[in-house]
Amino acid sequence: MATKPTFNKEEILNAYQYRHASKEFDKTKKISEDDFNFILETGRLSPSSFGFEPWKFIVVQNEEIREKLRAVSWGAQKQLPTASHFVVFLARTKDSLAPDSDYIQGMMKNVHALPNEAVEGRGKAYRNFIENDFELTKYDEQMFEWAARQTYIAMGNMMTSAAMIGIDSCPIEGFDKEKAEKVLIEEGVMPEKGFSLACTVAFGYRLNDPRPKSRQMLQSIVEWI
């Protein structure tokens, strides 16, 4: 049983102020195994709809694969060769997220350890959600987009946890999705079916200090009713 956290609010906000999208990293500095396992663990513990964890995190340290990704990633030209760690976030696609799929059934039975009657009940609720509430089964890409949105929750948590221990990051969507997936499939990094590329994130230590953070004022984005 986890204990109630007692974090200092100023320290947490300082981590958010510290975090920025690093365009280039100090390639001489490497993240320790212990620190990166901590970052990965915060991704693993992230919330997901129905608790189905529709993601997979691929840590790409192979320089040859990084160079192949760089050729199809206009937004990662400086990050890929300098980042200490580079993570590819995959999101599940329609077939593997079907209510009767091996994956969903396995999550309910083996991970959530639900009794048979609860598996049946949650399966019905899940089917109603994807077919009627959110109408996610109308088009093939909708299930992937729904899964990808959840993958971004894990990604955000990992970047924040990294900032809290002084590690920089940069989320990257600047890539040719079809070509990047082809690289990942050919290199045996991504299966041909069941997953699709959602986003990528580089982690490391900043090479240069960023400009001051710019955001809208709170009252511009929050409305109380």
C-alpha atoms as a PDB file:
ATOM      1  CA  MET A   1       0.000   0.000   0.000  1.00  0.00           C
ATOM      2  CA  ALA A   2       1.437   3.347  -1.050  1.00  0.00           C
ATOM      3  CA  THR A   3       1.713   6.073   1.556  1.00  0.00           C
ATOM      4  CA  LYS A   4       0.114   9.477   1.079  1.00  0.00           C
ATOM      5  CA  PRO A   5       2.618  11.753  -0.723  1.00  0.00           C
ATOM      6  CA  THR A   6       3.759  14.934   0.978  1.00  0.00           C
ATOM      7  CA  PHE A   7       5.446  16.900  -1.785  1.00  0.00           C
ATOM      8  CA  ASN A   8       6.305  20.570  -1.582  1.00  0.00           C
ATOM      9  CA  LYS A   9       4.101  22.461  -4.075  1.00  0.00           C
ATOM     10  CA  GLU A  10       6.852  24.956  -4.865  1.00  0.00           C
ATOM     11  CA  GLU A  11       9.233  22.154  -5.798  1.00  0.00           C
ATOM     12  CA  ILE A  12       6.638  20.594  -8.102  1.00  0.00           C
ATOM     13  CA  LEU A  13       5.902  23.906  -9.834  1.00  0.00           C
ATOM     14  CA  ASN A  14       9.645  24.524 -10.151  1.00  0.00           C
ATOM     15  CA  ALA A  15       9.932  21.248 -12.071  1.00  0.00           C
ATOM     16  CA  TYR A  16       7.236  22.463 -14.482  1.00  0.00           C
ATOM     17  CA  GLN A  17       9.070  25.769 -14.873  1.00  0.00           C
ATOM     18  CA  TYR A  18      12.343  23.913 -15.430  1.00  0.00           C
ATOM     19  CA  ARG A  19      10.955  21.542 -18.043  1.00  0.00           C
ATOM     20  CA  HIS A  20      11.226  22.667 -21.648  1.00  0.00           C
ATOM     21  CA  ALA A  21      11.435  21.058 -25.059  1.00  0.00           C
ATOM     22  CA  SER A  22      15.199  20.705 -25.484  1.00  0.00           C
ATOM     23  CA  LYS A  23      16.133  20.942 -29.142  1.00  0.00           C
ATOM     24  CA  GLU A  24      19.672  19.653 -28.558  1.00  0.00           C
ATOM     25  CA  PHE A  25      21.298  17.726 -25.725  1.00  0.00           C
ATOM     26  CA  ASP A  26      24.775  17.488 -24.262  1.00  0.00           C
ATOM     27  CA  LYS A  27      25.848  14.206 -25.820  1.00  0.00           C
ATOM     28  CA  THR A  28      28.651  13.773 -23.267  1.00  0.00           C
ATOM     29  CA  LYS A  29      26.127  13.358 -20.435  1.00  0.00           C
ATOM     30  CA  LYS A  30      24.202  10.119 -20.017  1.00  0.00           C
ATOM     31  CA  ILE A  31      21.204   9.371 -17.822  1.00  0.00           C
ATOM     32  CA  SER A  32      21.946   6.701 -15.223  1.00  0.00           C
ATOM     33  CA  GLU A  33      20.172   3.353 -15.458  1.00  0.00           C
ATOM     34  CA  ASP A  34      18.511   3.976 -12.109  1.00  0.00           C
ATOM     35  CA  ASP A  35      17.179   7.391 -13.152  1.00  0.00           C
ATOM     36  CA  PHE A  36      15.830   6.171 -16.473  1.00  0.00           C
ATOM     37  CA  ASN A  37      14.153   3.170 -14.886  1.00  0.00           C
ATOM     38  CA  PHE A  38      12.448   5.665 -12.567  1.00  0.00           C
ATOM     39  CA  ILE A  39      11.188   7.624 -15.594  1.00  0.00           C
ATOM     40  CA  LEU A  40       9.920   4.450 -17.265  1.00  0.00           C
ATOM     41  CA  GLU A  41       8.182   3.394 -14.060  1.00  0.00           C
ATOM     42  CA  THR A  42       6.212   6.660 -13.962  1.00  0.00           C
ATOM     43  CA  GLY A  43       5.045   5.861 -17.483  1.00  0.00           C
ATOM     44  CA  ARG A  44       4.053   2.336 -16.465  1.00  0.00           C
ATOM     45  CA  LEU A  45       2.048   3.666 -13.505  1.00  0.00           C
ATOM     46  CA  SER A  46       0.166   6.205 -15.625  1.00  0.00           C
ATOM     47  CA  PRO A  47      -3.633   6.029 -15.882  1.00  0.00           C
ATOM     48  CA  SER A  48      -5.477   4.702 -18.922  1.00  0.00           C
ATOM     49  CA  SER A  49      -9.119   4.257 -19.893  1.00  0.00           C
ATOM     50  CA  PHE A  50     -10.543   1.089 -18.299  1.00  0.00           C
ATOM     51  CA  GLY A  51      -6.982   0.461 -17.086  1.00  0.00           C
ATOM     52  CA  PHE A  52      -6.172  -1.255 -20.390  1.00  0.00           C
ATOM     53  CA  GLU A  53      -2.729   0.378 -20.917  1.00  0.00           C
ATOM     54  CA  PRO A  54      -2.929   0.555 -24.733  1.00  0.00           C
ATOM     55  CA  TRP A  55       0.754   1.419 -25.153  1.00  0.00           C
ATOM     56  CA  LYS A  56       4.271   0.154 -25.557  1.00  0.00           C
ATOM     57  CA  PHE A  57       7.478   2.110 -24.895  1.00  0.00           C
ATOM     58  CA  ILE A  58      10.474   1.310 -27.132  1.00  0.00           C
ATOM     59  CA  VAL A  59      13.804   2.729 -25.919  1.00  0.00           C
ATOM     60  CA  VAL A  60      15.932   3.177 -29.048  1.00  0.00           C
ATOM     61  CA  GLN A  61      19.634   3.277 -28.155  1.00  0.00           C
ATOM     62  CA  ASN A  62      20.916   1.655 -31.353  1.00  0.00           C
ATOM     63  CA  GLU A  63      22.699   4.424 -33.294  1.00  0.00           C
ATOM     64  CA  GLU A  64      22.028   2.879 -36.712  1.00  0.00           C
ATOM     65  CA  ILE A  65      18.283   2.735 -36.064  1.00  0.00           C
ATOM     66  CA  ARG A  66      18.381   6.291 -34.730  1.00  0.00           C
ATOM     67  CA  GLU A  67      20.021   7.475 -37.947  1.00  0.00           C
ATOM     68  CA  LYS A  68      17.363   5.730 -40.026  1.00  0.00           C
ATOM     69  CA  LEU A  69      14.661   7.426 -37.948  1.00  0.00           C
ATOM     70  CA  ARG A  70      16.468  10.741 -38.278  1.00  0.00           C
ATOM     71  CA  ALA A  71      16.211  10.503 -42.072  1.00  0.00           C
ATOM     72  CA  VAL A  72      12.392  10.522 -41.774  1.00  0.00           C
ATOM     73  CA  SER A  73      12.063  12.757 -38.689  1.00  0.00           C
ATOM     74  CA  TRP A  74      12.390  16.426 -39.572  1.00  0.00           C
ATOM     75  CA  GLY A  75      11.592  17.414 -35.999  1.00  0.00           C
ATOM     76  CA  ALA A  76      14.353  15.322 -34.402  1.00  0.00           C
ATOM     77  CA  GLN A  77      17.417  16.274 -36.403  1.00  0.00           C
ATOM     78  CA  LYS A  78      19.394  17.468 -33.370  1.00  0.00           C
ATOM     79  CA  GLN A  79      17.703  15.364 -30.717  1.00  0.00           C
ATOM     80  CA  LEU A  80      18.242  11.903 -32.199  1.00  0.00           C
ATOM     81  CA  PRO A  81      22.060  12.067 -32.364  1.00  0.00           C
ATOM     82  CA  THR A  82      22.495  13.852 -29.011  1.00  0.00           C
ATOM     83  CA  ALA A  83      19.821  12.449 -26.677  1.00  0.00           C
ATOM     84  CA  SER A  84      20.906  10.098 -23.919  1.00  0.00           C
ATOM     85  CA  HIS A  85      17.727   8.060 -24.394  1.00  0.00           C
ATOM     86  CA  PHE A  86      15.162   8.130 -27.197  1.00  0.00           C
ATOM     87  CA  VAL A  87      11.729   6.603 -26.660  1.00  0.00           C
ATOM     88  CA  VAL A  88       9.226   5.584 -29.324  1.00  0.00           C
ATOM     89  CA  PHE A  89       5.642   5.442 -28.043  1.00  0.00           C
ATOM     90  CA  LEU A  90       3.422   2.901 -29.756  1.00  0.00           C
ATOM     91  CA  ALA A  91      -0.363   2.827 -29.343  1.00  0.00           C
ATOM     92  CA  ARG A  92      -2.550  -0.182 -29.956  1.00  0.00           C
ATOM     93  CA  THR A  93      -4.805  -0.390 -32.992  1.00  0.00           C
ATOM     94  CA  LYS A  94      -8.369  -1.567 -33.540  1.00  0.00           C
ATOM     95  CA  ASP A  95      -7.983  -5.360 -33.640  1.00  0.00           C
ATOM     96  CA  SER A  96      -5.950  -5.668 -30.449  1.00  0.00           C
ATOM     97  CA  LEU A  97      -8.391  -3.382 -28.583  1.00  0.00           C
ATOM     98  CA  ALA A  98     -11.553  -5.286 -29.509  1.00  0.00           C
ATOM     99  CA  PRO A  99     -13.491  -6.430 -26.411  1.00  0.00           C
ATOM    100  CA  ASP A 100     -12.952 -10.106 -27.250  1.00  0.00           C
ATOM    101  CA  SER A 101      -9.301  -9.736 -28.297  1.00  0.00           C
ATOM    102  CA  ASP A 102      -6.640 -11.779 -26.534  1.00  0.00           C
ATOM    103  CA  TYR A 103      -5.086  -8.563 -25.226  1.00  0.00           C
ATOM    104  CA  ILE A 104      -8.212  -7.090 -23.616  1.00  0.00           C
ATOM    105  CA  GLN A 105      -9.316 -10.431 -22.237  1.00  0.00           C
ATOM    106  CA  GLY A 106      -5.803 -11.010 -20.873  1.00  0.00           C
ATOM    107  CA  MET A 107      -5.744  -7.591 -19.210  1.00  0.00           C
ATOM    108  CA  MET A 108      -9.006  -8.245 -17.405  1.00  0.00           C
ATOM    109  CA  LYS A 109      -8.251 -11.828 -16.407  1.00  0.00           C
ATOM    110  CA  ASN A 110      -4.500 -11.808 -15.784  1.00  0.00           C
ATOM    111  CA  VAL A 111      -3.543  -8.223 -14.918  1.00  0.00           C
ATOM    112  CA  HIS A 112      -6.718  -6.990 -13.211  1.00  0.00           C
ATOM    113  CA  ALA A 113      -7.413 -10.495 -11.865  1.00  0.00           C
ATOM    114  CA  LEU A 114     -11.176 -10.104 -12.280  1.00  0.00           C
ATOM    115  CA  PRO A 115     -13.525 -13.029 -11.644  1.00  0.00           C
ATOM    116  CA  ASN A 116     -15.397 -14.354 -14.697  1.00  0.00           C
ATOM    117  CA  GLU A 117     -18.630 -12.491 -13.960  1.00  0.00           C
ATOM    118  CA  ALA A 118     -16.720  -9.209 -13.591  1.00  0.00           C
ATOM    119  CA  VAL A 119     -14.869  -9.851 -16.850  1.00  0.00           C
ATOM    120  CA  GLU A 120     -18.204 -10.294 -18.592  1.00  0.00           C
ATOM    121  CA  GLY A 121     -19.650  -7.141 -17.026  1.00  0.00           C
ATOM    122  CA  ARG A 122     -16.669  -4.938 -17.753  1.00  0.00           C
ATOM    123  CA  GLY A 123     -16.432  -6.355 -21.258  1.00  0.00           C
ATOM    124  CA  LYS A 124     -20.029  -5.320 -21.931  1.00  0.00           C
ATOM    125  CA  ALA A 125     -19.431  -1.842 -20.503  1.00  0.00           C
ATOM    126  CA  TYR A 126     -16.278  -1.478 -22.607  1.00  0.00           C
ATOM    127  CA  ARG A 127     -18.054  -2.616 -25.774  1.00  0.00           C
ATOM    128  CA  ASN A 128     -20.851  -0.111 -25.166  1.00  0.00           C
ATOM    129  CA  PHE A 129     -18.269   2.629 -24.592  1.00  0.00           C
ATOM    130  CA  ILE A 130     -16.325   2.071 -27.804  1.00  0.00           C
ATOM    131  CA  GLU A 131     -19.342   1.279 -29.999  1.00  0.00           C
ATOM    132  CA  ASN A 132     -21.942   3.729 -28.676  1.00  0.00           C
ATOM    133  CA  ASP A 133     -20.651   6.302 -26.181  1.00  0.00           C
ATOM    134  CA  PHE A 134     -17.578   7.378 -28.164  1.00  0.00           C
ATOM    135  CA  GLU A 135     -18.378   5.577 -31.448  1.00  0.00           C
ATOM    136  CA  LEU A 136     -14.777   4.467 -31.813  1.00  0.00           C
ATOM    137  CA  THR A 137     -15.467   1.536 -34.132  1.00  0.00           C
ATOM    138  CA  LYS A 138     -16.900   3.507 -37.073  1.00  0.00           C
ATOM    139  CA  TYR A 139     -13.505   4.015 -38.692  1.00  0.00           C
ATOM    140  CA  ASP A 140     -10.343   1.936 -38.304  1.00  0.00           C
ATOM    141  CA  GLU A 141      -8.134   4.856 -37.222  1.00  0.00           C
ATOM    142  CA  GLN A 142     -10.432   6.004 -34.400  1.00  0.00           C
ATOM    143  CA  MET A 143      -9.395   3.258 -31.996  1.00  0.00           C
ATOM    144  CA  PHE A 144      -5.731   4.065 -32.565  1.00  0.00           C
ATOM    145  CA  GLU A 145      -6.346   7.791 -32.040  1.00  0.00           C
ATOM    146  CA  TRP A 146      -8.136   7.019 -28.769  1.00  0.00           C
ATOM    147  CA  ALA A 147      -5.236   4.825 -27.649  1.00  0.00           C
ATOM    148  CA  ALA A 148      -2.714   7.453 -28.720  1.00  0.00           C
ATOM    149  CA  ARG A 149      -4.431  10.089 -26.572  1.00  0.00           C
ATOM    150  CA  GLN A 150      -3.851   7.859 -23.570  1.00  0.00           C
ATOM    151  CA  THR A 151      -0.255   7.273 -24.579  1.00  0.00           C
ATOM    152  CA  TYR A 152       0.254  11.030 -24.289  1.00  0.00           C
ATOM    153  CA  ILE A 153      -0.763  10.817 -20.618  1.00  0.00           C
ATOM    154  CA  ALA A 154       2.131   8.436 -19.977  1.00  0.00           C
ATOM    155  CA  MET A 155       4.438  10.591 -22.059  1.00  0.00           C
ATOM    156  CA  GLY A 156       3.537  13.728 -20.080  1.00  0.00           C
ATOM    157  CA  ASN A 157       4.069  11.962 -16.775  1.00  0.00           C
ATOM    158  CA  MET A 158       7.467  10.701 -17.884  1.00  0.00           C
ATOM    159  CA  MET A 159       8.608  14.165 -18.975  1.00  0.00           C
ATOM    160  CA  THR A 160       7.421  15.703 -15.706  1.00  0.00           C
ATOM    161  CA  SER A 161       9.084  13.046 -13.566  1.00  0.00           C
ATOM    162  CA  ALA A 162      12.286  13.572 -15.570  1.00  0.00           C
ATOM    163  CA  ALA A 163      12.154  17.317 -14.894  1.00  0.00           C
ATOM    164  CA  MET A 164      11.668  16.668 -11.187  1.00  0.00           C
ATOM    165  CA  ILE A 165      15.081  14.988 -11.057  1.00  0.00           C
ATOM    166  CA  GLY A 166      16.809  17.486 -13.350  1.00  0.00           C
ATOM    167  CA  ILE A 167      16.568  15.564 -16.623  1.00  0.00           C
ATOM    168  CA  ASP A 168      15.470  17.259 -19.839  1.00  0.00           C
ATOM    169  CA  SER A 169      13.179  15.993 -22.576  1.00  0.00           C
ATOM    170  CA  CYS A 170      11.551  16.895 -25.865  1.00  0.00           C
ATOM    171  CA  PRO A 171       8.302  15.444 -27.247  1.00  0.00           C
ATOM    172  CA  ILE A 172       8.505  15.012 -31.018  1.00  0.00           C
ATOM    173  CA  GLU A 173       5.755  14.572 -33.598  1.00  0.00           C
ATOM    174  CA  GLY A 174       7.859  15.893 -36.463  1.00  0.00           C
ATOM    175  CA  PHE A 175       8.207  12.712 -38.483  1.00  0.00           C
ATOM    176  CA  ASP A 176       6.773  10.998 -41.544  1.00  0.00           C
ATOM    177  CA  LYS A 177       4.589   8.439 -39.773  1.00  0.00           C
ATOM    178  CA  GLU A 178       4.410   5.922 -42.615  1.00  0.00           C
ATOM    179  CA  LYS A 179       8.161   6.005 -43.279  1.00  0.00           C
ATOM    180  CA  ALA A 180       9.057   5.912 -39.578  1.00  0.00           C
ATOM    181  CA  GLU A 181       6.816   2.892 -39.060  1.00  0.00           C
ATOM    182  CA  LYS A 182       8.454   1.187 -42.019  1.00  0.00           C
ATOM    183  CA  VAL A 183      11.863   1.673 -40.374  1.00  0.00           C
ATOM    184  CA  LEU A 184      10.603   0.308 -37.071  1.00  0.00           C
ATOM    185  CA  ILE A 185       8.976  -2.725 -38.704  1.00  0.00           C
ATOM    186  CA  GLU A 186      12.005  -3.517 -40.878  1.00  0.00           C
ATOM    187  CA  GLU A 187      14.283  -3.273 -37.851  1.00  0.00           C
ATOM    188  CA  GLY A 188      12.033  -5.592 -35.857  1.00  0.00           C
ATOM    189  CA  VAL A 189      11.186  -2.854 -33.368  1.00  0.00           C
ATOM    190  CA  MET A 190       7.457  -2.695 -34.100  1.00  0.00           C
ATOM    191  CA  PRO A 191       5.153  -5.600 -35.054  1.00  0.00           C
ATOM    192  CA  GLU A 192       3.385  -5.311 -38.385  1.00  0.00           C
ATOM    193  CA  LYS A 193      -0.033  -5.581 -36.739  1.00  0.00           C
ATOM    194  CA  GLY A 194      -1.513  -4.481 -33.444  1.00  0.00           C
ATOM    195  CA  PHE A 195       0.408  -1.225 -32.959  1.00  0.00           C
ATOM    196  CA  SER A 196       1.002   2.098 -34.666  1.00  0.00           C
ATOM    197  CA  LEU A 197       3.423   4.955 -33.966  1.00  0.00           C
ATOM    198  CA  ALA A 198       1.959   7.647 -31.700  1.00  0.00           C
ATOM    199  CA  CYS A 199       4.875   9.925 -30.803  1.00  0.00           C
ATOM    200  CA  THR A 200       8.528  10.002 -29.768  1.00  0.00           C
ATOM    201  CA  VAL A 201      10.396  11.647 -26.891  1.00  0.00           C
ATOM    202  CA  ALA A 202      14.070  12.417 -26.435  1.00  0.00           C
ATOM    203  CA  PHE A 203      15.620  12.499 -22.945  1.00  0.00           C
ATOM    204  CA  GLY A 204      18.972  13.868 -21.850  1.00  0.00           C
ATOM    205  CA  TYR A 205      20.648  16.959 -20.448  1.00  0.00           C
ATOM    206  CA  ARG A 206      20.209  20.364 -22.085  1.00  0.00           C
ATOM    207  CA  LEU A 207      23.077  21.780 -24.096  1.00  0.00           C
ATOM    208  CA  ASN A 208      21.857  25.376 -23.906  1.00  0.00           C
ATOM    209  CA  ASP A 209      19.686  27.321 -21.492  1.00  0.00           C
ATOM    210  CA  PRO A 210      16.190  27.916 -22.883  1.00  0.00           C
ATOM    211  CA  ARG A 211      14.447  31.238 -23.256  1.00  0.00           C
ATOM    212  CA  PRO A 212      11.967  32.144 -20.487  1.00  0.00           C
ATOM    213  CA  LYS A 213       8.813  30.020 -20.508  1.00  0.00           C
ATOM    214  CA  SER A 214       5.842  31.685 -22.199  1.00  0.00           C
ATOM    215  CA  ARG A 215       2.268  30.672 -21.396  1.00  0.00           C
ATOM    216  CA  GLN A 216      -1.165  32.279 -21.424  1.00  0.00           C
ATOM    217  CA  MET A 217      -2.411  33.679 -18.136  1.00  0.00           C
ATOM    218  CA  LEU A 218      -4.482  31.274 -16.040  1.00  0.00           C
ATOM    219  CA  GLN A 219      -7.629  33.377 -16.393  1.00  0.00           C
ATOM    220  CA  SER A 220      -7.335  33.103 -20.195  1.00  0.00           C
ATOM    221  CA  ILE A 221      -7.686  29.322 -20.183  1.00  0.00           C
ATOM    222  CA  VAL A 222      -9.809  28.613 -17.092  1.00  0.00           C
ATOM    223  CA  GLU A 223     -13.472  29.411 -16.703  1.00  0.00           C
ATOM    224  CA  TRP A 224     -15.370  28.854 -13.449  1.00  0.00           C
ATOM    225  CA  ILE A 225     -19.109  28.239 -13.679  1.00  0.00           C
END
